[in-house]
Amino acid sequence: MYYDKYFPFYAAYANPLLYEGERMQEREFELMKSYYPLTVQRIQEKVEEECQLLDYEGSRLYDEYPDKYMLHHLCMKIKNEVEPEMSAQAVPENFLSELVQVLLCQEISRRRCRRQRCRRYF
């Protein structure tokens, strides 16, 4: 019969509310980032730039168990880039390294979660 093979036109369009949760989380994250101190915002920008360079299919960021050495190397690279800006401030010895590591792990975690949520739909 004809109606057994009928495919309704509205089923071909994506659900407009499908990504609403993702947008809400992104807005919330951007709001919280706006509350960071200026120096931390600059470090966060560097972290996002480095993560953007590594954000591709098959990237090491998305391994099931990311390599700890790779994360440490990436942290040191970011720290060396932002250290000249921070030299004028009285920052304890390991604080900058730990701050960069926390921001990097948080950004990687956010990207990994977003990628897993997006893959669920396709």
N, C-alpha and C. Protein backbone atom coordinates (compact mmCIF):
# COMPACT_ATOMS: atom_id res chain seq x y z
N MET A 1 0.84 -1.18 0.00
CA MET A 1 0.00 0.00 0.00
C MET A 1 0.88 1.25 0.00
N TYR A 2 0.31 2.31 -0.49
CA TYR A 2 1.04 3.57 -0.64
C TYR A 2 1.35 4.19 0.72
N TYR A 3 0.41 4.17 1.65
CA TYR A 3 0.62 4.86 2.93
C TYR A 3 1.64 4.13 3.80
N ASP A 4 1.99 2.88 3.51
CA ASP A 4 3.04 2.20 4.25
C ASP A 4 4.41 2.77 3.90
N LYS A 5 4.55 3.29 2.69
CA LYS A 5 5.82 3.83 2.24
C LYS A 5 5.88 5.35 2.39
N TYR A 6 4.84 5.94 2.89
CA TYR A 6 4.78 7.39 3.03
C TYR A 6 5.71 7.84 4.15
N PHE A 7 6.51 8.85 3.88
CA PHE A 7 7.42 9.43 4.88
C PHE A 7 6.97 10.86 5.14
N PRO A 8 6.53 11.19 6.33
CA PRO A 8 6.02 12.54 6.59
C PRO A 8 7.11 13.59 6.42
N PHE A 9 6.74 14.73 5.84
CA PHE A 9 7.71 15.78 5.54
C PHE A 9 8.36 16.34 6.80
N TYR A 10 7.63 16.42 7.91
CA TYR A 10 8.18 17.03 9.12
C TYR A 10 9.25 16.15 9.76
N ALA A 11 9.31 14.88 9.45
CA ALA A 11 10.32 14.01 10.03
C ALA A 11 11.70 14.27 9.43
N ALA A 12 11.74 14.92 8.29
CA ALA A 12 13.02 15.20 7.64
C ALA A 12 13.73 16.40 8.26
N TYR A 13 13.00 17.23 8.97
CA TYR A 13 13.60 18.41 9.58
C TYR A 13 14.08 18.10 10.98
N ALA A 14 15.16 18.75 11.38
CA ALA A 14 15.71 18.53 12.72
C ALA A 14 14.81 19.16 13.77
N ASN A 15 14.85 18.60 14.92
CA ASN A 15 14.12 19.13 16.06
C ASN A 15 14.77 20.45 16.47
N PRO A 16 14.02 21.56 16.49
CA PRO A 16 14.64 22.85 16.83
C PRO A 16 15.13 22.91 18.28
N LEU A 17 14.62 22.08 19.15
CA LEU A 17 15.04 22.09 20.55
C LEU A 17 16.19 21.12 20.81
N LEU A 18 16.69 20.48 19.77
CA LEU A 18 17.71 19.45 19.91
C LEU A 18 18.97 20.00 20.56
N TYR A 19 19.41 21.18 20.16
CA TYR A 19 20.66 21.74 20.67
C TYR A 19 20.44 22.85 21.69
N GLU A 20 19.24 23.01 22.18
CA GLU A 20 18.97 24.08 23.15
C GLU A 20 19.78 23.88 24.43
N GLY A 21 19.88 22.65 24.89
CA GLY A 21 20.67 22.37 26.10
C GLY A 21 22.13 22.72 25.90
N GLU A 22 22.66 22.43 24.73
CA GLU A 22 24.05 22.76 24.41
C GLU A 22 24.26 24.27 24.42
N ARG A 23 23.33 25.01 23.83
CA ARG A 23 23.44 26.47 23.81
C ARG A 23 23.34 27.06 25.21
N MET A 24 22.47 26.49 26.03
CA MET A 24 22.34 26.97 27.41
C MET A 24 23.63 26.76 28.19
N GLN A 25 24.25 25.61 28.02
CA GLN A 25 25.50 25.33 28.70
C GLN A 25 26.61 26.26 28.22
N GLU A 26 26.67 26.53 26.94
CA GLU A 26 27.68 27.45 26.40
C GLU A 26 27.48 28.86 26.95
N ARG A 27 26.24 29.33 27.00
CA ARG A 27 25.96 30.67 27.56
C ARG A 27 26.37 30.73 29.02
N GLU A 28 26.06 29.67 29.77
CA GLU A 28 26.42 29.61 31.19
C GLU A 28 27.94 29.64 31.36
N PHE A 29 28.64 28.89 30.52
CA PHE A 29 30.10 28.86 30.60
C PHE A 29 30.69 30.23 30.26
N GLU A 30 30.16 30.88 29.23
CA GLU A 30 30.65 32.21 28.86
C GLU A 30 30.39 33.23 29.97
N LEU A 31 29.26 33.11 30.63
CA LEU A 31 28.95 33.99 31.75
C LEU A 31 29.96 33.80 32.88
N MET A 32 30.23 32.55 33.22
CA MET A 32 31.18 32.27 34.30
C MET A 32 32.59 32.73 33.93
N LYS A 33 32.98 32.58 32.65
CA LYS A 33 34.29 33.05 32.21
C LYS A 33 34.40 34.57 32.31
N SER A 34 33.30 35.26 32.14
CA SER A 34 33.35 36.72 32.23
C SER A 34 33.65 37.19 33.66
N TYR A 35 33.45 36.32 34.64
CA TYR A 35 33.74 36.66 36.03
C TYR A 35 35.20 36.40 36.41
N TYR A 36 35.97 35.78 35.53
CA TYR A 36 37.37 35.51 35.82
C TYR A 36 38.13 36.83 35.93
N PRO A 37 39.18 36.88 36.76
CA PRO A 37 40.06 38.07 36.75
C PRO A 37 40.74 38.21 35.38
N LEU A 38 41.19 39.42 35.07
CA LEU A 38 41.75 39.70 33.74
C LEU A 38 42.94 38.80 33.39
N THR A 39 43.83 38.56 34.34
CA THR A 39 44.99 37.72 34.04
C THR A 39 44.56 36.29 33.74
N VAL A 40 43.58 35.80 34.45
CA VAL A 40 43.08 34.45 34.22
C VAL A 40 42.35 34.39 32.88
N GLN A 41 41.67 35.46 32.51
CA GLN A 41 41.01 35.49 31.21
C GLN A 41 42.04 35.38 30.08
N ARG A 42 43.19 36.05 30.23
CA ARG A 42 44.23 35.95 29.21
C ARG A 42 44.79 34.53 29.12
N ILE A 43 44.98 33.91 30.27
CA ILE A 43 45.46 32.53 30.28
C ILE A 43 44.42 31.61 29.65
N GLN A 44 43.15 31.84 29.97
CA GLN A 44 42.08 31.02 29.40
C GLN A 44 42.03 31.17 27.88
N GLU A 45 42.27 32.37 27.37
CA GLU A 45 42.30 32.58 25.92
C GLU A 45 43.42 31.77 25.28
N LYS A 46 44.60 31.76 25.92
CA LYS A 46 45.72 30.97 25.39
C LYS A 46 45.39 29.48 25.41
N VAL A 47 44.74 29.03 26.48
CA VAL A 47 44.35 27.63 26.60
C VAL A 47 43.37 27.27 25.48
N GLU A 48 42.40 28.13 25.24
CA GLU A 48 41.42 27.87 24.18
C GLU A 48 42.08 27.86 22.80
N GLU A 49 43.05 28.74 22.58
CA GLU A 49 43.77 28.75 21.30
C GLU A 49 44.50 27.43 21.07
N GLU A 50 45.19 26.96 22.10
CA GLU A 50 45.93 25.70 21.96
C GLU A 50 44.97 24.53 21.76
N CYS A 51 43.87 24.53 22.48
CA CYS A 51 42.89 23.44 22.31
C CYS A 51 42.25 23.49 20.93
N GLN A 52 42.05 24.70 20.41
CA GLN A 52 41.47 24.83 19.08
C GLN A 52 42.39 24.24 18.02
N LEU A 53 43.70 24.40 18.20
CA LEU A 53 44.66 23.82 17.27
C LEU A 53 44.63 22.30 17.30
N LEU A 54 44.30 21.73 18.46
CA LEU A 54 44.28 20.27 18.61
C LEU A 54 42.88 19.69 18.46
N ASP A 55 41.92 20.51 18.07
CA ASP A 55 40.53 20.05 17.98
C ASP A 55 40.23 19.57 16.56
N TYR A 56 40.53 18.32 16.29
CA TYR A 56 40.25 17.70 15.00
C TYR A 56 39.95 16.23 15.23
N GLU A 57 39.40 15.59 14.23
CA GLU A 57 39.05 14.18 14.33
C GLU A 57 40.32 13.35 14.53
N GLY A 58 40.32 12.51 15.52
CA GLY A 58 41.47 11.67 15.81
C GLY A 58 42.51 12.35 16.68
N SER A 59 42.18 13.51 17.25
CA SER A 59 43.12 14.25 18.07
C SER A 59 43.42 13.50 19.37
N ARG A 60 44.58 13.79 19.94
CA ARG A 60 44.97 13.19 21.21
C ARG A 60 44.08 13.67 22.35
N LEU A 61 43.42 14.82 22.15
CA LEU A 61 42.53 15.31 23.19
C LEU A 61 41.35 14.37 23.43
N TYR A 62 40.97 13.63 22.39
CA TYR A 62 39.79 12.80 22.48
C TYR A 62 40.10 11.32 22.69
N ASP A 63 41.35 11.01 23.01
CA ASP A 63 41.68 9.63 23.37
C ASP A 63 40.90 9.24 24.60
N GLU A 64 40.63 7.94 24.73
CA GLU A 64 39.89 7.49 25.91
C GLU A 64 40.62 7.85 27.19
N TYR A 65 41.93 7.68 27.19
CA TYR A 65 42.78 8.07 28.31
C TYR A 65 43.86 8.99 27.77
N PRO A 66 43.67 10.31 27.88
CA PRO A 66 44.68 11.23 27.33
C PRO A 66 46.04 11.03 27.99
N ASP A 67 47.07 11.20 27.21
CA ASP A 67 48.44 11.02 27.66
C ASP A 67 48.82 12.12 28.64
N LYS A 68 49.26 11.72 29.83
CA LYS A 68 49.61 12.69 30.86
C LYS A 68 50.82 13.54 30.45
N TYR A 69 51.77 12.93 29.73
CA TYR A 69 52.94 13.67 29.26
C TYR A 69 52.52 14.74 28.26
N MET A 70 51.59 14.40 27.37
CA MET A 70 51.11 15.38 26.38
C MET A 70 50.45 16.56 27.10
N LEU A 71 49.65 16.26 28.12
CA LEU A 71 49.00 17.34 28.87
C LEU A 71 50.03 18.21 29.58
N HIS A 72 51.03 17.57 30.18
CA HIS A 72 52.09 18.31 30.88
C HIS A 72 52.86 19.20 29.90
N HIS A 73 53.19 18.65 28.73
CA HIS A 73 53.92 19.40 27.71
C HIS A 73 53.10 20.60 27.23
N LEU A 74 51.81 20.39 27.02
CA LEU A 74 50.92 21.48 26.59
C LEU A 74 50.81 22.55 27.68
N CYS A 75 50.74 22.13 28.93
CA CYS A 75 50.70 23.09 30.04
C CYS A 75 51.96 23.94 30.09
N MET A 76 53.11 23.30 29.93
CA MET A 76 54.37 24.03 29.97
C MET A 76 54.48 25.01 28.79
N LYS A 77 53.97 24.61 27.64
CA LYS A 77 53.99 25.50 26.47
C LYS A 77 53.15 26.74 26.73
N ILE A 78 51.96 26.55 27.28
CA ILE A 78 51.07 27.68 27.59
C ILE A 78 51.69 28.54 28.68
N LYS A 79 52.24 27.89 29.70
CA LYS A 79 52.85 28.64 30.81
C LYS A 79 54.00 29.51 30.30
N ASN A 80 54.82 28.98 29.42
CA ASN A 80 55.94 29.75 28.88
C ASN A 80 55.47 30.93 28.04
N GLU A 81 54.30 30.81 27.41
CA GLU A 81 53.75 31.92 26.62
C GLU A 81 53.21 33.03 27.51
N VAL A 82 52.61 32.69 28.63
CA VAL A 82 51.98 33.70 29.49
C VAL A 82 52.89 34.18 30.61
N GLU A 83 54.00 33.51 30.83
CA GLU A 83 54.89 33.87 31.93
C GLU A 83 55.43 35.29 31.85
N PRO A 84 55.83 35.79 30.67
CA PRO A 84 56.31 37.18 30.62
C PRO A 84 55.27 38.20 31.10
N GLU A 85 54.00 37.95 30.80
CA GLU A 85 52.94 38.86 31.26
C GLU A 85 52.78 38.79 32.78
N MET A 86 53.02 37.62 33.34
CA MET A 86 52.80 37.40 34.77
C MET A 86 54.02 37.75 35.60
N SER A 87 55.17 38.03 34.98
CA SER A 87 56.40 38.25 35.74
C SER A 87 56.32 39.50 36.61
N ALA A 88 55.53 40.49 36.22
CA ALA A 88 55.40 41.71 37.00
C ALA A 88 54.56 41.51 38.26
N GLN A 89 53.78 40.46 38.28
CA GLN A 89 52.91 40.19 39.43
C GLN A 89 53.61 39.23 40.38
N ALA A 90 53.27 39.35 41.64
CA ALA A 90 53.83 38.45 42.65
C ALA A 90 53.01 37.17 42.66
N VAL A 91 53.49 36.19 41.90
CA VAL A 91 52.80 34.92 41.78
C VAL A 91 53.67 33.85 42.42
N PRO A 92 53.11 33.05 43.34
CA PRO A 92 53.92 31.97 43.92
C PRO A 92 54.48 31.05 42.85
N GLU A 93 55.54 30.34 43.20
CA GLU A 93 56.33 29.58 42.23
C GLU A 93 55.52 28.60 41.38
N ASN A 94 54.75 27.73 41.99
CA ASN A 94 54.02 26.70 41.24
C ASN A 94 52.58 27.10 40.91
N PHE A 95 52.16 28.26 41.36
CA PHE A 95 50.77 28.64 41.17
C PHE A 95 50.39 28.76 39.70
N LEU A 96 51.24 29.39 38.91
CA LEU A 96 50.93 29.58 37.49
C LEU A 96 50.82 28.23 36.77
N SER A 97 51.74 27.33 37.05
CA SER A 97 51.69 26.00 36.42
C SER A 97 50.40 25.27 36.78
N GLU A 98 50.04 25.33 38.05
CA GLU A 98 48.82 24.65 38.50
C GLU A 98 47.57 25.29 37.92
N LEU A 99 47.56 26.62 37.82
CA LEU A 99 46.41 27.32 37.25
C LEU A 99 46.24 26.95 35.77
N VAL A 100 47.32 26.93 35.03
CA VAL A 100 47.27 26.56 33.62
C VAL A 100 46.79 25.11 33.48
N GLN A 101 47.28 24.24 34.34
CA GLN A 101 46.88 22.84 34.27
C GLN A 101 45.39 22.67 34.55
N VAL A 102 44.87 23.38 35.54
CA VAL A 102 43.45 23.30 35.86
C VAL A 102 42.60 23.84 34.70
N LEU A 103 42.97 24.99 34.16
CA LEU A 103 42.22 25.57 33.05
C LEU A 103 42.27 24.68 31.81
N LEU A 104 43.42 24.08 31.55
CA LEU A 104 43.55 23.20 30.39
C LEU A 104 42.69 21.95 30.56
N CYS A 105 42.76 21.32 31.71
CA CYS A 105 41.96 20.11 31.94
C CYS A 105 40.47 20.41 31.88
N GLN A 106 40.08 21.55 32.39
CA GLN A 106 38.67 21.94 32.35
C GLN A 106 38.21 22.17 30.92
N GLU A 107 39.05 22.83 30.11
CA GLU A 107 38.70 23.09 28.71
C GLU A 107 38.64 21.79 27.90
N ILE A 108 39.59 20.91 28.13
CA ILE A 108 39.57 19.63 27.42
C ILE A 108 38.34 18.83 27.81
N SER A 109 38.02 18.83 29.09
CA SER A 109 36.83 18.11 29.55
C SER A 109 35.56 18.67 28.91
N ARG A 110 35.47 19.98 28.83
CA ARG A 110 34.30 20.62 28.21
C ARG A 110 34.18 20.23 26.74
N ARG A 111 35.30 20.23 26.02
CA ARG A 111 35.28 19.86 24.60
C ARG A 111 34.94 18.38 24.41
N ARG A 112 35.47 17.53 25.28
CA ARG A 112 35.18 16.10 25.18
C ARG A 112 33.69 15.82 25.43
N CYS A 113 33.13 16.48 26.43
CA CYS A 113 31.71 16.29 26.73
C CYS A 113 30.84 16.79 25.57
N ARG A 114 31.20 17.93 25.02
CA ARG A 114 30.44 18.47 23.89
C ARG A 114 30.51 17.53 22.70
N ARG A 115 31.67 16.97 22.42
CA ARG A 115 31.81 16.05 21.29
C ARG A 115 30.99 14.79 21.52
N GLN A 116 30.97 14.27 22.75
CA GLN A 116 30.18 13.06 23.03
C GLN A 116 28.69 13.34 22.91
N ARG A 117 28.24 14.51 23.36
CA ARG A 117 26.82 14.85 23.24
C ARG A 117 26.43 15.01 21.79
N CYS A 118 27.28 15.64 20.99
CA CYS A 118 26.96 15.84 19.57
C CYS A 118 26.93 14.53 18.81
N ARG A 119 27.81 13.61 19.15
CA ARG A 119 27.85 12.32 18.45
C ARG A 119 26.61 11.48 18.73
N ARG A 120 25.99 11.73 19.87
CA ARG A 120 24.80 10.97 20.23
C ARG A 120 23.67 11.19 19.23
N TYR A 121 23.62 12.39 18.64
CA TYR A 121 22.53 12.74 17.76
C TYR A 121 22.72 12.21 16.33
N PHE A 122 23.96 11.85 15.98
CA PHE A 122 24.22 11.46 14.59
C PHE A 122 24.66 10.03 14.51
